[in-house]
N, C-alpha and C. Protein backbone atom coordinates (compact mmCIF):
# COMPACT_ATOMS: atom_id res chain seq x y z
N MET A 1 289.35 242.37 252.61
CA MET A 1 288.97 242.71 253.95
C MET A 1 288.56 244.19 253.99
N GLU A 2 287.41 244.47 254.60
CA GLU A 2 286.95 245.85 254.73
C GLU A 2 287.62 246.49 255.93
N GLN A 3 288.00 247.73 255.77
CA GLN A 3 288.57 248.49 256.86
C GLN A 3 287.81 249.80 256.96
N SER A 4 287.69 250.32 258.16
CA SER A 4 287.04 251.60 258.34
C SER A 4 288.10 252.67 258.56
N VAL A 5 287.73 253.88 258.23
CA VAL A 5 288.62 255.02 258.42
C VAL A 5 288.04 255.86 259.54
N HIS A 6 288.87 256.11 260.55
CA HIS A 6 288.42 256.86 261.72
C HIS A 6 288.91 258.31 261.66
N ILE A 7 288.15 259.17 262.31
CA ILE A 7 288.53 260.57 262.42
C ILE A 7 289.63 260.70 263.48
N ARG A 8 290.74 261.26 263.08
CA ARG A 8 291.88 261.48 263.99
C ARG A 8 292.11 260.29 264.91
N ASP A 9 292.17 260.57 266.21
CA ASP A 9 292.44 259.52 267.20
C ASP A 9 291.16 259.06 267.90
N THR A 10 290.02 259.27 267.25
CA THR A 10 288.74 258.85 267.83
C THR A 10 288.34 257.50 267.27
N GLU A 11 287.27 256.95 267.76
CA GLU A 11 286.71 255.72 267.22
C GLU A 11 285.55 256.02 266.26
N ILE A 12 285.39 257.28 265.90
CA ILE A 12 284.29 257.71 265.03
C ILE A 12 284.71 257.51 263.58
N GLU A 13 283.87 256.78 262.84
CA GLU A 13 284.19 256.47 261.44
C GLU A 13 283.76 257.61 260.52
N VAL A 14 284.54 257.83 259.47
CA VAL A 14 284.22 258.83 258.46
C VAL A 14 282.84 258.56 257.89
N THR A 15 282.53 257.29 257.64
CA THR A 15 281.23 256.97 257.04
C THR A 15 280.07 257.37 257.94
N GLU A 16 280.28 257.30 259.26
CA GLU A 16 279.22 257.71 260.19
C GLU A 16 278.90 259.20 260.01
N LEU A 17 279.94 260.01 259.89
CA LEU A 17 279.72 261.44 259.67
C LEU A 17 279.05 261.70 258.32
N LEU A 18 279.51 261.00 257.31
CA LEU A 18 278.95 261.21 255.98
C LEU A 18 277.47 260.80 255.94
N LEU A 19 277.12 259.71 256.62
CA LEU A 19 275.72 259.31 256.68
C LEU A 19 274.89 260.36 257.40
N MET A 20 275.41 260.93 258.46
CA MET A 20 274.68 261.98 259.17
C MET A 20 274.45 263.19 258.27
N ILE A 21 275.47 263.57 257.53
CA ILE A 21 275.33 264.68 256.58
C ILE A 21 274.27 264.34 255.54
N GLY A 22 274.35 263.12 255.00
CA GLY A 22 273.40 262.67 254.00
C GLY A 22 271.97 262.60 254.51
N GLU A 23 271.81 262.36 255.79
CA GLU A 23 270.48 262.31 256.39
C GLU A 23 269.95 263.70 256.73
N GLY A 24 270.76 264.73 256.48
CA GLY A 24 270.30 266.10 256.68
C GLY A 24 270.63 266.70 258.03
N HIS A 25 271.48 266.04 258.81
CA HIS A 25 271.86 266.61 260.10
C HIS A 25 272.73 267.85 259.88
N SER A 26 272.53 268.85 260.70
CA SER A 26 273.36 270.05 260.62
C SER A 26 274.71 269.78 261.27
N TYR A 27 275.65 270.68 261.01
CA TYR A 27 276.96 270.54 261.66
C TYR A 27 276.80 270.58 263.18
N GLU A 28 275.92 271.44 263.65
CA GLU A 28 275.69 271.55 265.09
C GLU A 28 275.18 270.23 265.67
N GLN A 29 274.28 269.57 264.95
CA GLN A 29 273.74 268.29 265.42
C GLN A 29 274.83 267.21 265.43
N ILE A 30 275.68 267.22 264.43
CA ILE A 30 276.77 266.23 264.37
C ILE A 30 277.74 266.46 265.53
N LEU A 31 278.08 267.72 265.78
CA LEU A 31 279.00 268.02 266.87
C LEU A 31 278.37 267.69 268.23
N ALA A 32 277.07 267.87 268.36
CA ALA A 32 276.39 267.53 269.61
C ALA A 32 276.40 266.02 269.82
N ALA A 33 276.26 265.25 268.75
CA ALA A 33 276.27 263.79 268.84
C ALA A 33 277.68 263.25 269.09
N HIS A 34 278.69 264.01 268.67
CA HIS A 34 280.09 263.59 268.82
C HIS A 34 280.90 264.75 269.39
N PRO A 35 280.81 264.96 270.70
CA PRO A 35 281.47 266.11 271.32
C PRO A 35 282.99 266.16 271.13
N GLY A 36 283.61 265.05 270.82
CA GLY A 36 285.06 265.04 270.63
C GLY A 36 285.50 265.57 269.29
N LEU A 37 284.55 265.89 268.42
CA LEU A 37 284.89 266.38 267.09
C LEU A 37 284.78 267.90 267.02
N ASN A 38 285.35 268.43 265.95
CA ASN A 38 285.20 269.86 265.69
C ASN A 38 284.81 270.03 264.22
N MET A 39 284.52 271.27 263.84
CA MET A 39 284.08 271.55 262.47
C MET A 39 285.11 271.09 261.45
N GLY A 40 286.37 271.23 261.76
CA GLY A 40 287.43 270.78 260.85
C GLY A 40 287.38 269.29 260.58
N ASP A 41 286.99 268.51 261.58
CA ASP A 41 286.87 267.06 261.40
C ASP A 41 285.78 266.73 260.39
N ILE A 42 284.67 267.45 260.49
CA ILE A 42 283.56 267.22 259.57
C ILE A 42 283.99 267.59 258.15
N MET A 43 284.65 268.72 258.03
CA MET A 43 285.11 269.17 256.71
C MET A 43 286.13 268.20 256.13
N ALA A 44 287.01 267.67 256.98
CA ALA A 44 288.02 266.71 256.52
C ALA A 44 287.36 265.42 256.04
N ALA A 45 286.29 264.98 256.73
CA ALA A 45 285.58 263.78 256.30
C ALA A 45 284.93 264.00 254.94
N ALA A 46 284.34 265.17 254.75
CA ALA A 46 283.70 265.47 253.46
C ALA A 46 284.76 265.55 252.36
N ARG A 47 285.90 266.15 252.65
CA ARG A 47 286.98 266.26 251.67
C ARG A 47 287.53 264.88 251.30
N PHE A 48 287.67 264.02 252.31
CA PHE A 48 288.13 262.66 252.11
C PHE A 48 287.20 261.93 251.13
N ALA A 49 285.89 262.06 251.36
CA ALA A 49 284.91 261.42 250.48
C ALA A 49 284.99 261.99 249.07
N ALA A 50 285.11 263.31 248.97
CA ALA A 50 285.20 263.95 247.64
C ALA A 50 286.45 263.47 246.89
N ASP A 51 287.57 263.35 247.59
CA ASP A 51 288.80 262.88 246.95
C ASP A 51 288.65 261.46 246.42
N ILE A 52 288.01 260.60 247.21
CA ILE A 52 287.79 259.22 246.77
C ILE A 52 286.90 259.19 245.54
N ILE A 53 285.80 259.93 245.59
CA ILE A 53 284.88 259.96 244.45
C ILE A 53 285.59 260.49 243.22
N ASN A 54 286.32 261.60 243.36
CA ASN A 54 287.02 262.16 242.21
C ASN A 54 288.05 261.21 241.62
N SER A 55 288.66 260.38 242.46
CA SER A 55 289.64 259.43 241.95
C SER A 55 288.97 258.28 241.20
N CYS A 56 287.68 258.09 241.41
CA CYS A 56 286.95 256.99 240.78
C CYS A 56 286.17 257.42 239.54
N VAL A 57 286.11 258.72 239.25
CA VAL A 57 285.36 259.18 238.09
C VAL A 57 286.14 258.82 236.84
N THR A 58 285.50 258.04 235.96
CA THR A 58 286.19 257.59 234.74
C THR A 58 285.74 258.37 233.51
N ALA A 59 284.60 259.04 233.61
CA ALA A 59 284.07 259.86 232.52
C ALA A 59 283.01 260.76 233.16
N PRO A 60 282.61 261.82 232.48
CA PRO A 60 281.59 262.68 233.07
C PRO A 60 280.34 261.89 233.47
N GLY A 61 279.96 261.97 234.72
CA GLY A 61 278.76 261.30 235.20
C GLY A 61 278.90 259.82 235.49
N ILE A 62 280.13 259.27 235.37
CA ILE A 62 280.34 257.84 235.60
C ILE A 62 281.40 257.66 236.68
N ILE A 63 281.09 256.84 237.67
CA ILE A 63 282.04 256.53 238.73
C ILE A 63 282.23 255.03 238.77
N ARG A 64 283.47 254.57 238.76
CA ARG A 64 283.78 253.15 238.90
C ARG A 64 284.57 252.97 240.20
N VAL A 65 284.15 252.00 240.97
CA VAL A 65 284.82 251.69 242.23
C VAL A 65 285.44 250.30 242.09
N ASP A 66 286.76 250.22 242.23
CA ASP A 66 287.48 248.95 242.09
C ASP A 66 287.16 248.26 240.77
N HIS A 67 286.75 249.00 239.79
CA HIS A 67 286.41 248.46 238.48
C HIS A 67 285.38 247.34 238.55
N SER A 68 284.59 247.31 239.63
CA SER A 68 283.57 246.27 239.75
C SER A 68 282.19 246.84 240.02
N VAL A 69 282.12 248.08 240.44
CA VAL A 69 280.84 248.73 240.69
C VAL A 69 280.83 250.02 239.89
N GLU A 70 279.75 250.25 239.16
CA GLU A 70 279.65 251.45 238.34
C GLU A 70 278.42 252.24 238.74
N PHE A 71 278.60 253.53 238.94
CA PHE A 71 277.50 254.45 239.21
C PHE A 71 277.46 255.47 238.09
N ARG A 72 276.26 255.95 237.77
CA ARG A 72 276.12 257.02 236.79
C ARG A 72 275.21 258.09 237.34
N LEU A 73 275.53 259.30 236.98
CA LEU A 73 274.71 260.42 237.36
C LEU A 73 273.55 260.52 236.38
N MET A 74 272.34 260.38 236.90
CA MET A 74 271.13 260.45 236.07
C MET A 74 270.29 261.60 236.62
N GLY A 75 270.32 262.73 235.94
CA GLY A 75 269.64 263.89 236.46
C GLY A 75 270.35 264.35 237.72
N ASN A 76 269.64 264.31 238.84
CA ASN A 76 270.25 264.76 240.09
C ASN A 76 270.47 263.61 241.07
N ARG A 77 270.53 262.38 240.58
CA ARG A 77 270.74 261.24 241.47
C ARG A 77 271.76 260.27 240.87
N MET A 78 272.42 259.54 241.77
CA MET A 78 273.38 258.53 241.34
C MET A 78 272.65 257.20 241.21
N VAL A 79 272.91 256.49 240.13
CA VAL A 79 272.29 255.20 239.87
C VAL A 79 273.37 254.13 239.88
N ASN A 80 273.11 253.04 240.59
CA ASN A 80 274.05 251.92 240.66
C ASN A 80 273.83 251.04 239.43
N VAL A 81 274.62 251.27 238.40
CA VAL A 81 274.49 250.54 237.13
C VAL A 81 274.77 249.05 237.34
N THR A 82 275.72 248.72 238.17
CA THR A 82 276.07 247.32 238.42
C THR A 82 274.86 246.57 238.96
N GLU A 83 274.13 247.19 239.87
CA GLU A 83 272.95 246.56 240.46
C GLU A 83 271.85 246.41 239.41
N ILE A 84 271.62 247.42 238.60
CA ILE A 84 270.59 247.37 237.56
C ILE A 84 270.91 246.29 236.53
N ARG A 85 272.20 246.13 236.21
CA ARG A 85 272.60 245.14 235.20
C ARG A 85 272.41 243.70 235.66
N LYS A 86 272.16 243.49 236.94
CA LYS A 86 271.84 242.14 237.40
C LYS A 86 270.52 241.69 236.79
N GLU A 87 269.59 242.61 236.62
CA GLU A 87 268.30 242.28 236.01
C GLU A 87 268.25 242.62 234.52
N PHE A 88 268.95 243.68 234.13
CA PHE A 88 268.96 244.14 232.74
C PHE A 88 270.41 244.26 232.28
N PRO A 89 271.01 243.14 231.79
CA PRO A 89 272.44 243.11 231.49
C PRO A 89 272.96 244.19 230.54
N LYS A 90 272.13 244.69 229.65
CA LYS A 90 272.62 245.69 228.69
C LYS A 90 272.22 247.12 229.08
N ALA A 91 271.76 247.31 230.31
CA ALA A 91 271.38 248.65 230.76
C ALA A 91 272.55 249.60 230.60
N PHE A 92 272.30 250.76 230.03
CA PHE A 92 273.27 251.85 229.85
C PHE A 92 274.36 251.55 228.83
N ALA A 93 274.30 250.39 228.17
CA ALA A 93 275.28 250.08 227.13
C ALA A 93 274.89 250.83 225.85
N PRO A 94 275.87 251.22 225.05
CA PRO A 94 275.55 251.90 223.79
C PRO A 94 274.76 250.96 222.87
N TRP A 95 273.88 251.52 222.07
CA TRP A 95 273.10 250.75 221.11
C TRP A 95 273.93 250.54 219.85
N THR A 96 273.88 249.33 219.31
CA THR A 96 274.55 249.06 218.04
C THR A 96 273.54 249.21 216.90
N ALA A 97 274.04 249.32 215.69
CA ALA A 97 273.15 249.42 214.53
C ALA A 97 272.29 248.16 214.41
N ASN A 98 272.86 247.01 214.70
CA ASN A 98 272.13 245.75 214.65
C ASN A 98 270.97 245.74 215.66
N GLU A 99 271.26 246.23 216.89
CA GLU A 99 270.21 246.29 217.91
C GLU A 99 269.10 247.26 217.49
N ASP A 100 269.49 248.39 216.91
CA ASP A 100 268.49 249.34 216.43
C ASP A 100 267.60 248.70 215.37
N ASN A 101 268.21 247.99 214.43
CA ASN A 101 267.43 247.32 213.37
C ASN A 101 266.48 246.30 213.95
N GLN A 102 266.96 245.52 214.91
CA GLN A 102 266.11 244.52 215.55
C GLN A 102 264.97 245.20 216.32
N LEU A 103 265.29 246.27 217.02
CA LEU A 103 264.29 247.03 217.76
C LEU A 103 263.19 247.55 216.84
N VAL A 104 263.59 248.16 215.75
CA VAL A 104 262.63 248.70 214.79
C VAL A 104 261.75 247.59 214.23
N GLY A 105 262.36 246.46 213.87
CA GLY A 105 261.60 245.34 213.33
C GLY A 105 260.58 244.81 214.32
N LEU A 106 260.98 244.61 215.56
CA LEU A 106 260.05 244.11 216.58
C LEU A 106 258.92 245.11 216.83
N PHE A 107 259.27 246.39 216.87
CA PHE A 107 258.25 247.42 217.11
C PHE A 107 257.24 247.45 215.97
N LYS A 108 257.74 247.39 214.74
CA LYS A 108 256.83 247.45 213.57
C LYS A 108 255.96 246.20 213.47
N LYS A 109 256.42 245.08 214.03
CA LYS A 109 255.61 243.86 214.06
C LYS A 109 254.54 243.92 215.14
N GLY A 110 254.59 244.96 215.99
CA GLY A 110 253.60 245.11 217.03
C GLY A 110 253.96 244.45 218.35
N GLU A 111 255.23 244.09 218.50
CA GLU A 111 255.66 243.46 219.76
C GLU A 111 255.51 244.46 220.90
N LYS A 112 255.12 243.97 222.07
CA LYS A 112 254.95 244.85 223.23
C LYS A 112 256.30 245.32 223.75
N LEU A 113 256.30 246.54 224.33
CA LEU A 113 257.55 247.11 224.84
C LEU A 113 258.21 246.20 225.87
N GLU A 114 257.42 245.59 226.74
CA GLU A 114 257.98 244.72 227.78
C GLU A 114 258.72 243.53 227.15
N ARG A 115 258.15 242.97 226.09
CA ARG A 115 258.79 241.84 225.42
C ARG A 115 260.06 242.30 224.69
N ILE A 116 259.99 243.45 224.06
CA ILE A 116 261.19 243.99 223.39
C ILE A 116 262.28 244.23 224.43
N ALA A 117 261.89 244.72 225.59
CA ALA A 117 262.86 244.96 226.67
C ALA A 117 263.52 243.65 227.10
N GLU A 118 262.74 242.59 227.22
CA GLU A 118 263.30 241.28 227.58
C GLU A 118 264.32 240.83 226.54
N ILE A 119 263.95 240.94 225.28
CA ILE A 119 264.82 240.51 224.19
C ILE A 119 266.14 241.29 224.20
N HIS A 120 266.03 242.61 224.44
CA HIS A 120 267.22 243.47 224.40
C HIS A 120 267.94 243.56 225.74
N GLN A 121 267.39 242.91 226.77
CA GLN A 121 267.98 242.91 228.10
C GLN A 121 268.18 244.32 228.64
N ARG A 122 267.15 245.16 228.41
CA ARG A 122 267.15 246.55 228.86
C ARG A 122 265.82 246.85 229.53
N LYS A 123 265.78 247.94 230.27
CA LYS A 123 264.55 248.35 230.94
C LYS A 123 263.53 248.82 229.89
N PRO A 124 262.23 248.61 230.17
CA PRO A 124 261.21 249.11 229.23
C PRO A 124 261.34 250.61 228.96
N GLY A 125 261.73 251.38 229.97
CA GLY A 125 261.92 252.82 229.77
C GLY A 125 263.03 253.11 228.77
N ALA A 126 264.06 252.27 228.75
CA ALA A 126 265.16 252.45 227.80
C ALA A 126 264.68 252.15 226.37
N ILE A 127 263.81 251.17 226.25
CA ILE A 127 263.24 250.84 224.93
C ILE A 127 262.39 252.01 224.44
N ARG A 128 261.56 252.53 225.33
CA ARG A 128 260.70 253.67 224.98
C ARG A 128 261.55 254.87 224.56
N ALA A 129 262.60 255.14 225.33
CA ALA A 129 263.48 256.28 225.02
C ALA A 129 264.16 256.09 223.66
N ARG A 130 264.57 254.86 223.36
CA ARG A 130 265.23 254.62 222.08
C ARG A 130 264.25 254.77 220.91
N LEU A 131 263.04 254.28 221.11
CA LEU A 131 262.01 254.44 220.08
C LEU A 131 261.71 255.91 219.84
N GLU A 132 261.71 256.70 220.91
CA GLU A 132 261.53 258.15 220.77
C GLU A 132 262.67 258.75 219.98
N LYS A 133 263.89 258.36 220.34
CA LYS A 133 265.07 258.90 219.66
C LYS A 133 265.07 258.56 218.18
N LEU A 134 264.57 257.37 217.86
CA LEU A 134 264.51 256.94 216.46
C LEU A 134 263.29 257.52 215.73
N GLY A 135 262.48 258.29 216.44
CA GLY A 135 261.33 258.94 215.83
C GLY A 135 260.15 258.03 215.58
N LEU A 136 260.09 256.88 216.25
CA LEU A 136 259.01 255.93 216.02
C LEU A 136 257.81 256.13 216.95
N ILE A 137 258.03 256.81 218.08
CA ILE A 137 256.93 257.16 218.97
C ILE A 137 257.14 258.59 219.46
N GLU A 138 256.04 259.19 219.94
CA GLU A 138 256.10 260.55 220.47
C GLU A 138 256.82 260.56 221.81
N ARG A 139 257.53 261.62 222.08
CA ARG A 139 258.19 261.79 223.37
C ARG A 139 257.13 261.91 224.45
N THR A 140 257.33 261.22 225.56
CA THR A 140 256.38 261.27 226.67
C THR A 140 257.02 261.99 227.85
N ALA A 141 256.18 262.55 228.69
CA ALA A 141 256.68 263.20 229.91
C ALA A 141 257.13 262.12 230.87
N ARG A 142 258.29 262.33 231.51
CA ARG A 142 258.81 261.35 232.47
C ARG A 142 258.88 261.99 233.84
N SER A 143 258.67 261.16 234.85
CA SER A 143 258.76 261.64 236.23
C SER A 143 260.17 261.59 236.74
N ASP A 144 261.08 260.84 236.08
CA ASP A 144 262.46 260.75 236.57
C ASP A 144 263.43 261.57 235.77
């Protein structure tokens, strides 16, 4: 059962404040939208969120929630690994020596990256990155 957490004795949910912060609202705008709050309430909501996140960090850049949802820090954004793994089951999993050997063999046979990605159950970008790491293709500029 989902439960919401309210600020003090108000009906205002912590998540509502956090969404407003995430949308770029200033503290003044949040207080104008919720006159019953004060700056301390906003700070307490942010601290509450930080404490929850810190309790879920299992390794640098990895957050697990209830051991069923995994997020990873990729550059400056959080990526929902659990969601990505619905389409690419081995996304973000470590590569084994066997997988590397299979990857090299398929690449040398001229198999297309998209097909190799299907076989390895990983994103095409992950295949490209692994081929770069193995020195089989030149490093390319990435937008992400």
